[in-house]
Amino acid sequence: MAGAAPLGAGPELRSASSNPARNGTVLRFSLPASGHVDLRVYDVQGKQVSVLASGSFGAGEHQVPWAGNDDSGRRLASGVYYARMQANGVTQAQKVLLIH
């Protein structure tokens, strides 16, 4: 697959700290080298609901909280959402189940 890297060789979006998430969760990712990271949340229709991170990050482990809200601060409905991270030419996604 284009843009894919062997496990541990490139940027890696790790499991959310709480999934299913009741009052939000923390998304974790690691970078082998510094670079730009774009981390966004989408609904099942593919509509972007939240930008969690977009900027430069150093090499290493990182954590970004998501409270289960959209970019306007409104609480999102219970359901399935997808966290998508793009970093250093690699795109990874993870399903997050939000329940209230």
N, C-alpha and C. Protein backbone atom coordinates (compact mmCIF):
# COMPACT_ATOMS: atom_id res chain seq x y z
N MET A 1 0.85 -1.17 0.00
CA MET A 1 0.00 0.00 0.00
C MET A 1 0.89 1.23 0.00
N ALA A 2 0.60 2.18 -0.87
CA ALA A 2 1.39 3.41 -0.95
C ALA A 2 1.24 4.21 0.33
N GLY A 3 2.33 4.75 0.81
CA GLY A 3 2.29 5.57 2.01
C GLY A 3 2.32 4.77 3.31
N ALA A 4 2.29 3.46 3.22
CA ALA A 4 2.33 2.64 4.43
C ALA A 4 3.77 2.38 4.81
N ALA A 5 4.01 2.25 6.09
CA ALA A 5 5.35 1.98 6.59
C ALA A 5 5.29 0.76 7.50
N PRO A 6 6.35 -0.02 7.56
CA PRO A 6 6.36 -1.15 8.48
C PRO A 6 6.14 -0.66 9.91
N LEU A 7 5.48 -1.49 10.72
CA LEU A 7 5.20 -1.13 12.10
C LEU A 7 6.48 -0.72 12.81
N GLY A 8 6.45 0.44 13.43
CA GLY A 8 7.60 0.92 14.17
C GLY A 8 8.60 1.69 13.33
N ALA A 9 8.45 1.67 11.98
CA ALA A 9 9.42 2.34 11.12
C ALA A 9 9.01 3.77 10.79
N GLY A 10 7.75 4.10 10.96
CA GLY A 10 7.27 5.43 10.60
C GLY A 10 6.35 5.96 11.66
N PRO A 11 5.64 7.04 11.33
CA PRO A 11 4.66 7.58 12.26
C PRO A 11 3.63 6.50 12.58
N GLU A 12 3.14 6.50 13.81
CA GLU A 12 2.17 5.48 14.20
C GLU A 12 1.09 6.07 15.08
N LEU A 13 -0.16 5.95 14.64
CA LEU A 13 -1.32 6.32 15.44
C LEU A 13 -1.64 5.14 16.32
N ARG A 14 -1.57 5.33 17.63
CA ARG A 14 -1.77 4.22 18.57
C ARG A 14 -3.22 4.18 19.05
N SER A 15 -3.55 3.18 19.81
CA SER A 15 -4.91 3.03 20.34
C SER A 15 -5.29 4.21 21.21
N ALA A 16 -6.56 4.60 21.11
CA ALA A 16 -7.08 5.65 21.98
C ALA A 16 -7.07 5.12 23.42
N SER A 17 -6.84 6.02 24.37
CA SER A 17 -6.74 5.59 25.77
C SER A 17 -8.06 5.07 26.32
N SER A 18 -9.15 5.52 25.76
CA SER A 18 -10.47 5.08 26.20
C SER A 18 -11.32 4.87 24.95
N ASN A 19 -11.64 3.62 24.65
CA ASN A 19 -12.40 3.33 23.45
C ASN A 19 -13.23 2.07 23.70
N PRO A 20 -14.52 2.16 23.95
CA PRO A 20 -15.37 3.31 23.69
C PRO A 20 -15.10 4.47 24.66
N ALA A 21 -15.36 5.66 24.16
CA ALA A 21 -15.11 6.87 24.92
C ALA A 21 -16.42 7.43 25.46
N ARG A 22 -16.49 7.62 26.76
CA ARG A 22 -17.69 8.21 27.37
C ARG A 22 -17.58 9.73 27.48
N ASN A 23 -16.52 10.21 28.05
CA ASN A 23 -16.32 11.65 28.24
C ASN A 23 -15.09 12.11 27.51
N GLY A 24 -14.85 11.55 26.35
CA GLY A 24 -13.68 11.90 25.57
C GLY A 24 -12.60 10.85 25.73
N THR A 25 -11.52 11.06 25.03
CA THR A 25 -10.41 10.11 25.03
C THR A 25 -9.12 10.86 24.74
N VAL A 26 -8.04 10.15 24.78
CA VAL A 26 -6.74 10.71 24.43
C VAL A 26 -6.19 9.87 23.28
N LEU A 27 -5.89 10.53 22.17
CA LEU A 27 -5.28 9.86 21.03
C LEU A 27 -3.77 9.99 21.17
N ARG A 28 -3.09 8.88 20.96
CA ARG A 28 -1.64 8.83 21.11
C ARG A 28 -1.01 8.51 19.77
N PHE A 29 0.14 9.12 19.52
CA PHE A 29 0.88 8.80 18.31
C PHE A 29 2.36 8.95 18.57
N SER A 30 3.14 8.30 17.73
CA SER A 30 4.60 8.40 17.85
C SER A 30 5.18 8.77 16.50
N LEU A 31 6.29 9.50 16.56
CA LEU A 31 7.01 9.92 15.37
C LEU A 31 8.47 9.52 15.51
N PRO A 32 9.05 8.87 14.50
CA PRO A 32 10.46 8.53 14.56
C PRO A 32 11.35 9.74 14.31
N ALA A 33 10.79 10.78 13.66
CA ALA A 33 11.52 12.01 13.36
C ALA A 33 10.55 13.18 13.43
N SER A 34 11.06 14.35 13.65
CA SER A 34 10.23 15.55 13.68
C SER A 34 9.50 15.71 12.35
N GLY A 35 8.32 16.31 12.41
CA GLY A 35 7.58 16.55 11.18
C GLY A 35 6.22 17.14 11.44
N HIS A 36 5.53 17.44 10.35
CA HIS A 36 4.19 18.00 10.43
C HIS A 36 3.19 16.87 10.68
N VAL A 37 2.27 17.10 11.60
CA VAL A 37 1.22 16.14 11.92
C VAL A 37 -0.13 16.81 11.75
N ASP A 38 -1.02 16.10 11.09
CA ASP A 38 -2.39 16.55 10.92
C ASP A 38 -3.27 15.45 11.50
N LEU A 39 -3.97 15.73 12.59
CA LEU A 39 -4.82 14.76 13.27
C LEU A 39 -6.24 15.32 13.33
N ARG A 40 -7.16 14.63 12.65
CA ARG A 40 -8.54 15.10 12.54
C ARG A 40 -9.51 13.97 12.85
N VAL A 41 -10.74 14.35 13.21
CA VAL A 41 -11.79 13.38 13.48
C VAL A 41 -12.89 13.56 12.44
N TYR A 42 -13.39 12.43 11.93
CA TYR A 42 -14.44 12.41 10.91
C TYR A 42 -15.60 11.56 11.38
N ASP A 43 -16.81 11.90 10.90
CA ASP A 43 -17.96 11.05 11.19
C ASP A 43 -18.01 9.92 10.15
N VAL A 44 -19.00 9.04 10.26
CA VAL A 44 -19.06 7.88 9.36
C VAL A 44 -19.37 8.26 7.91
N GLN A 45 -19.89 9.46 7.68
CA GLN A 45 -20.12 9.92 6.32
C GLN A 45 -18.86 10.56 5.71
N GLY A 46 -17.81 10.65 6.51
CA GLY A 46 -16.56 11.24 6.02
C GLY A 46 -16.46 12.73 6.21
N LYS A 47 -17.41 13.32 6.93
CA LYS A 47 -17.39 14.77 7.21
C LYS A 47 -16.44 15.05 8.37
N GLN A 48 -15.54 15.99 8.16
CA GLN A 48 -14.63 16.38 9.24
C GLN A 48 -15.42 17.06 10.33
N VAL A 49 -15.23 16.61 11.59
CA VAL A 49 -15.93 17.22 12.71
C VAL A 49 -14.99 17.95 13.65
N SER A 50 -13.70 17.60 13.65
CA SER A 50 -12.77 18.24 14.58
C SER A 50 -11.33 18.14 14.10
N VAL A 51 -10.61 19.24 14.23
CA VAL A 51 -9.17 19.25 13.99
C VAL A 51 -8.50 19.22 15.36
N LEU A 52 -7.80 18.12 15.65
CA LEU A 52 -7.17 17.97 16.96
C LEU A 52 -5.75 18.50 16.98
N ALA A 53 -5.05 18.38 15.86
CA ALA A 53 -3.67 18.87 15.79
C ALA A 53 -3.33 19.13 14.33
N SER A 54 -2.62 20.20 14.10
CA SER A 54 -2.10 20.50 12.77
C SER A 54 -0.89 21.39 12.96
N GLY A 55 0.28 20.79 12.93
CA GLY A 55 1.49 21.56 13.15
C GLY A 55 2.69 20.65 13.31
N SER A 56 3.80 21.26 13.66
CA SER A 56 5.05 20.52 13.81
C SER A 56 5.14 19.86 15.18
N PHE A 57 5.63 18.63 15.18
CA PHE A 57 5.85 17.87 16.41
C PHE A 57 7.25 17.27 16.34
N GLY A 58 7.89 17.17 17.48
CA GLY A 58 9.20 16.55 17.56
C GLY A 58 9.09 15.04 17.55
N ALA A 59 10.21 14.39 17.37
CA ALA A 59 10.26 12.93 17.42
C ALA A 59 9.84 12.45 18.80
N GLY A 60 9.18 11.30 18.87
CA GLY A 60 8.81 10.72 20.15
C GLY A 60 7.32 10.48 20.27
N GLU A 61 6.88 10.26 21.50
CA GLU A 61 5.49 9.95 21.82
C GLU A 61 4.72 11.24 22.10
N HIS A 62 3.48 11.28 21.64
CA HIS A 62 2.63 12.46 21.84
C HIS A 62 1.22 12.03 22.19
N GLN A 63 0.50 12.92 22.87
CA GLN A 63 -0.89 12.68 23.27
C GLN A 63 -1.72 13.91 22.94
N VAL A 64 -2.90 13.68 22.38
CA VAL A 64 -3.82 14.77 22.06
C VAL A 64 -5.20 14.39 22.61
N PRO A 65 -5.76 15.19 23.50
CA PRO A 65 -7.09 14.87 24.04
C PRO A 65 -8.19 15.22 23.04
N TRP A 66 -9.25 14.44 23.06
CA TRP A 66 -10.47 14.75 22.32
C TRP A 66 -11.64 14.58 23.27
N ALA A 67 -12.38 15.65 23.50
CA ALA A 67 -13.49 15.65 24.47
C ALA A 67 -14.79 15.12 23.88
N GLY A 68 -14.79 14.73 22.60
CA GLY A 68 -16.02 14.27 21.97
C GLY A 68 -16.86 15.41 21.42
N ASN A 69 -16.20 16.55 21.20
CA ASN A 69 -16.87 17.74 20.69
C ASN A 69 -16.41 18.03 19.26
N ASP A 70 -17.23 18.83 18.55
CA ASP A 70 -16.81 19.29 17.24
C ASP A 70 -15.96 20.55 17.41
N ASP A 71 -15.53 21.13 16.28
CA ASP A 71 -14.67 22.31 16.36
C ASP A 71 -15.36 23.53 16.96
N SER A 72 -16.69 23.53 17.01
CA SER A 72 -17.44 24.63 17.61
C SER A 72 -17.69 24.42 19.09
N GLY A 73 -17.23 23.28 19.62
CA GLY A 73 -17.42 22.98 21.04
C GLY A 73 -18.69 22.24 21.35
N ARG A 74 -19.50 21.92 20.32
CA ARG A 74 -20.74 21.18 20.54
C ARG A 74 -20.44 19.71 20.76
N ARG A 75 -21.14 19.13 21.73
CA ARG A 75 -20.98 17.70 22.02
C ARG A 75 -21.55 16.91 20.85
N LEU A 76 -20.77 15.96 20.35
CA LEU A 76 -21.22 15.13 19.24
C LEU A 76 -22.11 14.00 19.73
N ALA A 77 -22.97 13.52 18.86
CA ALA A 77 -23.86 12.42 19.18
C ALA A 77 -23.07 11.13 19.37
N SER A 78 -23.62 10.22 20.14
CA SER A 78 -23.01 8.90 20.28
C SER A 78 -22.91 8.27 18.91
N GLY A 79 -21.84 7.54 18.67
CA GLY A 79 -21.68 6.87 17.39
C GLY A 79 -20.23 6.56 17.10
N VAL A 80 -20.00 6.14 15.86
CA VAL A 80 -18.66 5.79 15.41
C VAL A 80 -18.03 7.00 14.73
N TYR A 81 -16.79 7.27 15.08
CA TYR A 81 -16.00 8.34 14.48
C TYR A 81 -14.64 7.76 14.11
N TYR A 82 -13.95 8.46 13.23
CA TYR A 82 -12.63 8.00 12.80
C TYR A 82 -11.61 9.10 13.03
N ALA A 83 -10.55 8.76 13.74
CA ALA A 83 -9.41 9.67 13.91
C ALA A 83 -8.45 9.35 12.78
N ARG A 84 -8.04 10.36 12.02
CA ARG A 84 -7.11 10.16 10.92
C ARG A 84 -5.89 11.04 11.13
N MET A 85 -4.72 10.41 11.07
CA MET A 85 -3.46 11.12 11.22
C MET A 85 -2.67 11.04 9.93
N GLN A 86 -2.18 12.19 9.49
CA GLN A 86 -1.26 12.25 8.37
C GLN A 86 0.04 12.84 8.90
N ALA A 87 1.14 12.11 8.67
CA ALA A 87 2.44 12.58 9.15
C ALA A 87 3.54 11.98 8.29
N ASN A 88 4.44 12.81 7.85
CA ASN A 88 5.62 12.36 7.09
C ASN A 88 5.24 11.44 5.93
N GLY A 89 4.17 11.77 5.20
CA GLY A 89 3.76 11.01 4.04
C GLY A 89 2.97 9.74 4.34
N VAL A 90 2.64 9.51 5.61
CA VAL A 90 1.90 8.31 6.00
C VAL A 90 0.53 8.74 6.55
N THR A 91 -0.52 8.01 6.14
CA THR A 91 -1.86 8.26 6.65
C THR A 91 -2.34 7.02 7.38
N GLN A 92 -2.84 7.22 8.59
CA GLN A 92 -3.39 6.11 9.38
C GLN A 92 -4.71 6.57 9.99
N ALA A 93 -5.62 5.62 10.18
CA ALA A 93 -6.92 5.94 10.77
C ALA A 93 -7.24 4.93 11.86
N GLN A 94 -8.09 5.37 12.77
CA GLN A 94 -8.50 4.52 13.88
C GLN A 94 -9.96 4.82 14.21
N LYS A 95 -10.73 3.78 14.44
CA LYS A 95 -12.13 3.94 14.80
C LYS A 95 -12.23 4.26 16.29
N VAL A 96 -13.08 5.24 16.62
CA VAL A 96 -13.36 5.61 18.01
C VAL A 96 -14.86 5.57 18.21
N LEU A 97 -15.32 4.82 19.18
CA LEU A 97 -16.74 4.73 19.50
C LEU A 97 -17.04 5.71 20.64
N LEU A 98 -17.90 6.67 20.35
CA LEU A 98 -18.28 7.69 21.33
C LEU A 98 -19.66 7.33 21.87
N ILE A 99 -19.75 7.18 23.20
CA ILE A 99 -21.04 6.86 23.82
C ILE A 99 -21.29 7.83 24.98
N HIS A 100 -22.56 8.13 25.19
CA HIS A 100 -22.95 9.04 26.29
C HIS A 100 -23.82 8.31 27.27
